């Protein structure tokens, strides 16, 4: 797997990062325990974490260290066993299923490792799909899709099916789908389109990614290292 380089054209992109004020995401003493009849597995233990607006954070660690579990909690796909979680200043761990779904759709952009694209929908239709769950005019949906595909340089593939794209192109479409909803934060699971994420961060996006690859982690402004469900190191540039 190779690390892609930054597009030189992005160097002059204006930055809208703020980085000040209350954190956008905040976890306090978060724990996650998976229990079966015979064993208790502590996936996360005592996680304290803040992510500020405009920040680019990497969560690094080996397989099985709790990275994906932590990302699922941040994205409201899972709930902590204990601890507190605030998103944009509001506590979220006790929300109902429908409330969590609404927040995921409107405030969180996911970039999944497996892309999660629907094979019989075109690129444009895949990007538009999450927007259909909002009360949004069709014309606005189409404009958002067009803008998002332009940002990831995939507008020329709008009518293609996912199976007609390379892996890197499919991940760019996944990024466009996340961007189209204008989320507060992008959550990326083992991304490889590092040049694109760097561009988006330069344009003001808040990004939190998980990776096992130290080369990718270096693209972020700040990195926390997980091991056995605990933060064992934190470093910044």
Protein backbone atom coordinates (compact mmCIF):
# COMPACT_ATOMS: atom_id res chain seq x y z
CA UNK A 1 0.00 0.00 0.00
CA UNK A 2 1.48 3.34 -0.98
CA UNK A 3 0.92 6.78 0.51
CA UNK A 4 -0.42 9.22 -2.03
CA UNK A 5 1.09 12.68 -2.15
CA UNK A 6 -0.51 16.08 -1.82
CA UNK A 7 -1.90 17.79 -4.89
CA UNK A 8 0.27 20.92 -5.30
CA UNK A 9 -2.82 22.89 -6.27
CA UNK A 10 -4.14 22.48 -2.72
CA UNK A 11 -1.24 24.38 -1.17
CA UNK A 12 -2.97 27.71 -1.69
CA UNK A 13 -6.38 26.55 -0.38
CA UNK A 14 -7.72 28.95 2.28
CA UNK A 15 -7.84 27.59 5.80
CA UNK A 16 -10.95 27.99 7.96
CA UNK A 17 -9.58 26.11 10.95
CA UNK A 18 -10.39 27.65 14.30
CA UNK A 19 -9.10 25.17 16.89
CA UNK A 20 -10.28 27.39 19.76
CA UNK A 21 -13.25 27.36 22.10
CA UNK A 22 -15.12 24.32 23.42
CA UNK A 23 -14.15 20.95 21.92
CA UNK A 24 -16.34 19.60 19.16
CA UNK A 25 -16.04 16.06 20.56
CA UNK A 26 -15.30 15.22 24.17
CA UNK A 27 -15.02 11.85 25.88
CA UNK A 28 -14.62 11.50 29.64
CA UNK A 29 -13.55 8.19 31.20
CA UNK A 30 -15.19 6.16 28.44
CA UNK A 31 -15.17 2.39 28.79
CA UNK A 32 -16.47 -0.38 26.55
CA UNK A 33 -16.88 -3.92 27.80
CA UNK A 34 -18.06 -6.83 25.66
CA UNK A 35 -19.51 -9.64 27.73
CA UNK A 36 -20.20 -13.25 26.83
CA UNK A 37 -21.22 -16.14 29.06
CA UNK A 38 -17.62 -17.04 29.79
CA UNK A 39 -15.49 -13.92 29.39
CA UNK A 40 -15.44 -10.13 29.75
CA UNK A 41 -13.41 -8.19 27.19
CA UNK A 42 -12.42 -4.61 28.01
CA UNK A 43 -12.15 -3.03 24.56
CA UNK A 44 -11.73 0.51 25.93
CA UNK A 45 -10.66 1.59 29.40
CA UNK A 46 -10.67 5.13 30.78
CA UNK A 47 -10.55 7.02 27.48
CA UNK A 48 -10.31 10.80 27.82
CA UNK A 49 -10.34 12.57 24.46
CA UNK A 50 -11.06 15.99 22.97
CA UNK A 51 -11.27 16.94 19.30
CA UNK A 52 -11.51 20.63 18.44
CA UNK A 53 -13.07 22.24 15.39
CA UNK A 54 -10.73 22.23 12.42
CA UNK A 55 -8.39 19.68 13.98
CA UNK A 56 -6.92 16.67 12.17
CA UNK A 57 -6.54 13.84 14.69
CA UNK A 58 -5.13 10.37 14.10
CA UNK A 59 -5.89 7.42 16.38
CA UNK A 60 -3.09 4.93 15.84
CA UNK A 61 -2.46 1.43 17.12
CA UNK A 62 -2.15 -2.24 16.24
CA UNK A 63 -5.03 -4.49 15.26
CA UNK A 64 -7.27 -5.26 18.22
CA UNK A 65 -6.25 -2.24 20.29
CA UNK A 66 -9.74 -0.66 20.30
CA UNK A 67 -9.42 1.83 17.42
CA UNK A 68 -12.53 0.71 15.55
CA UNK A 69 -14.54 0.45 18.76
CA UNK A 70 -13.60 4.01 19.63
CA UNK A 71 -14.50 5.24 16.15
CA UNK A 72 -17.89 3.49 16.38
CA UNK A 73 -18.59 5.27 19.66
CA UNK A 74 -17.53 8.63 18.24
CA UNK A 75 -19.85 8.01 15.26
CA UNK A 76 -22.80 6.96 17.45
CA UNK A 77 -22.80 3.50 15.91
CA UNK A 78 -22.16 2.07 19.39
CA UNK A 79 -22.56 3.25 22.98
CA UNK A 80 -19.98 3.16 25.78
CA UNK A 81 -20.52 0.85 28.73
CA UNK A 82 -19.56 3.72 31.03
CA UNK A 83 -18.33 7.29 30.77
CA UNK A 84 -19.62 10.45 29.10
CA UNK A 85 -19.64 11.72 25.52
CA UNK A 86 -20.43 15.23 24.31
CA UNK A 87 -20.87 16.17 20.64
CA UNK A 88 -20.94 19.88 19.85
CA UNK A 89 -21.55 20.62 23.52
CA UNK A 90 -24.49 18.20 23.93
CA UNK A 91 -24.40 14.88 25.76
CA UNK A 92 -25.22 12.02 23.40
CA UNK A 93 -24.73 8.69 25.17
CA UNK A 94 -28.39 8.44 26.29
CA UNK A 95 -30.06 9.36 23.00
CA UNK A 96 -32.72 7.13 21.48
CA UNK A 97 -32.00 5.04 18.39
CA UNK A 98 -33.85 7.49 16.11
CA UNK A 99 -32.12 10.52 17.65
CA UNK A 100 -28.73 8.91 17.12
CA UNK A 101 -29.60 8.08 13.51
CA UNK A 102 -30.66 11.68 12.86
CA UNK A 103 -27.40 13.07 14.28
CA UNK A 104 -25.32 10.58 12.28
CA UNK A 105 -27.09 11.64 9.10
CA UNK A 106 -26.72 15.37 9.67
CA UNK A 107 -23.56 15.92 11.72
CA UNK A 108 -21.16 13.02 11.12
CA UNK A 109 -19.54 12.01 7.84
CA UNK A 110 -18.26 8.43 7.67
CA UNK A 111 -15.50 7.19 5.39
CA UNK A 112 -15.64 3.42 5.82
CA UNK A 113 -12.69 1.15 5.11
CA UNK A 114 -14.93 -1.05 2.94
CA UNK A 115 -16.44 2.04 1.24
CA UNK A 116 -20.04 0.71 1.69
CA UNK A 117 -21.04 1.75 -1.82
CA UNK A 118 -24.13 0.16 -3.37
CA UNK A 119 -23.10 -1.70 -6.51
CA UNK A 120 -26.21 -1.12 -8.64
CA UNK A 121 -26.33 2.64 -7.96
CA UNK A 122 -24.24 5.12 -9.89
CA UNK A 123 -21.57 7.22 -8.21
CA UNK A 124 -23.94 10.20 -8.08
CA UNK A 125 -26.76 8.08 -6.68
CA UNK A 126 -24.50 6.68 -3.96
CA UNK A 127 -23.48 10.18 -2.90
CA UNK A 128 -27.08 11.39 -2.94
CA UNK A 129 -28.59 8.47 -0.99
CA UNK A 130 -28.00 9.76 2.59
CA UNK A 131 -29.50 13.13 1.58
CA UNK A 132 -32.79 11.48 0.61
CA UNK A 133 -33.49 10.90 4.30
CA UNK A 134 -33.59 14.64 4.90
CA UNK A 135 -36.37 17.08 4.09
CA UNK A 136 -34.39 18.54 1.22
CA UNK A 137 -35.49 19.61 -2.25
CA UNK A 138 -34.23 17.44 -5.12
CA UNK A 139 -32.50 20.44 -6.68
CA UNK A 140 -30.49 21.05 -3.51
CA UNK A 141 -29.55 17.36 -3.29
CA UNK A 142 -28.30 17.40 -6.88
CA UNK A 143 -26.25 20.54 -6.24
CA UNK A 144 -24.67 19.05 -3.12
CA UNK A 145 -23.79 15.88 -5.00
CA UNK A 146 -22.23 17.88 -7.83
CA UNK A 147 -20.22 20.04 -5.43
CA UNK A 148 -19.01 17.05 -3.39
CA UNK A 149 -17.87 15.12 -6.46
CA UNK A 150 -16.02 18.19 -7.72
CA UNK A 151 -14.20 18.51 -4.40
CA UNK A 152 -12.91 14.95 -4.62
CA UNK A 153 -12.21 15.21 -8.35
CA UNK A 154 -14.70 12.50 -9.32
CA UNK A 155 -17.35 14.52 -11.19
CA UNK A 156 -16.29 12.88 -14.45
CA UNK A 157 -17.27 9.49 -12.98
CA UNK A 158 -20.73 10.52 -11.75
CA UNK A 159 -22.59 8.07 -14.02
CA UNK A 160 -20.26 5.13 -13.46
CA UNK A 161 -21.03 2.19 -11.18
CA UNK A 162 -18.70 1.43 -8.24
CA UNK A 163 -17.52 -1.77 -9.93
CA UNK A 164 -16.13 0.32 -12.79
CA UNK A 165 -13.81 2.25 -10.44
CA UNK A 166 -10.46 1.51 -8.84
CA UNK A 167 -10.21 1.11 -5.08
CA UNK A 168 -8.81 4.63 -4.69
CA UNK A 169 -11.62 6.08 -6.78
CA UNK A 170 -14.22 4.23 -4.72
CA UNK A 171 -12.77 5.72 -1.55
CA UNK A 172 -12.98 9.19 -3.09
CA UNK A 173 -16.66 8.55 -3.79
CA UNK A 174 -17.07 7.49 -0.15
CA UNK A 175 -15.47 10.79 0.88
CA UNK A 176 -17.84 12.70 -1.43
CA UNK A 177 -20.82 10.95 0.14
CA UNK A 178 -19.62 12.05 3.57
CA UNK A 179 -18.98 15.63 2.41
CA UNK A 180 -22.36 16.06 0.73
CA UNK A 181 -24.08 16.15 4.11
CA UNK A 182 -21.91 19.08 5.30
CA UNK A 183 -20.98 17.27 8.55
CA UNK A 184 -19.38 18.70 11.65
CA UNK A 185 -16.67 16.03 11.49
CA UNK A 186 -15.32 13.38 9.12
CA UNK A 187 -14.58 10.00 10.68
CA UNK A 188 -12.27 7.87 8.54
CA UNK A 189 -11.53 4.18 9.07
CA UNK A 190 -8.09 3.22 7.68
CA UNK A 191 -8.15 5.74 4.82
CA UNK A 192 -5.56 5.71 2.04
CA UNK A 193 -6.46 8.90 0.13
CA UNK A 194 -4.17 10.96 2.29
CA UNK A 195 -3.65 13.78 -0.20
CA UNK A 196 -7.41 14.31 -0.37
CA UNK A 197 -7.84 14.36 3.40
CA UNK A 198 -5.00 16.86 3.70
CA UNK A 199 -6.73 19.08 1.13
CA UNK A 200 -10.06 18.87 2.96
CA UNK A 201 -8.39 19.71 6.26
CA UNK A 202 -6.71 22.73 4.66
CA UNK A 203 -10.19 23.85 3.56
CA UNK A 204 -11.49 23.68 7.13
CA UNK A 205 -12.76 20.12 7.65
CA UNK A 206 -12.44 18.51 11.08
CA UNK A 207 -11.06 14.99 10.63
CA UNK A 208 -10.60 12.06 12.97
CA UNK A 209 -9.12 8.93 11.44
CA UNK A 210 -8.00 5.55 12.74
CA UNK A 211 -4.98 3.84 11.23
CA UNK A 212 -2.48 1.11 12.01
CA UNK A 213 0.11 2.72 9.71
CA UNK A 214 2.50 5.27 11.28
CA UNK A 215 3.15 6.77 7.83
CA UNK A 216 -0.49 7.76 7.54
CA UNK A 217 -0.68 8.97 11.14
CA UNK A 218 2.01 11.55 10.39
CA UNK A 219 -0.39 13.41 8.10
CA UNK A 220 -2.43 14.47 11.14
CA UNK A 221 -1.77 17.42 13.42
CA UNK A 222 -2.07 15.28 16.53
CA UNK A 223 -1.85 11.54 17.14
CA UNK A 224 -2.97 9.41 20.06
CA UNK A 225 -1.68 5.86 20.32
CA UNK A 226 -3.96 3.12 21.66
CA UNK A 227 -2.81 -0.14 23.15
CA UNK A 228 -5.09 -2.67 24.87
CA UNK A 229 -7.92 -0.15 24.93
CA UNK A 230 -5.94 2.63 26.60
CA UNK A 231 -4.27 5.82 25.43
CA UNK A 232 -0.59 5.17 26.01
CA UNK A 233 0.92 8.09 24.11
CA UNK A 234 -0.08 11.42 22.59
CA UNK A 235 2.00 13.54 20.29
CA UNK A 236 1.57 16.59 18.08
CA UNK A 237 3.55 18.23 15.33
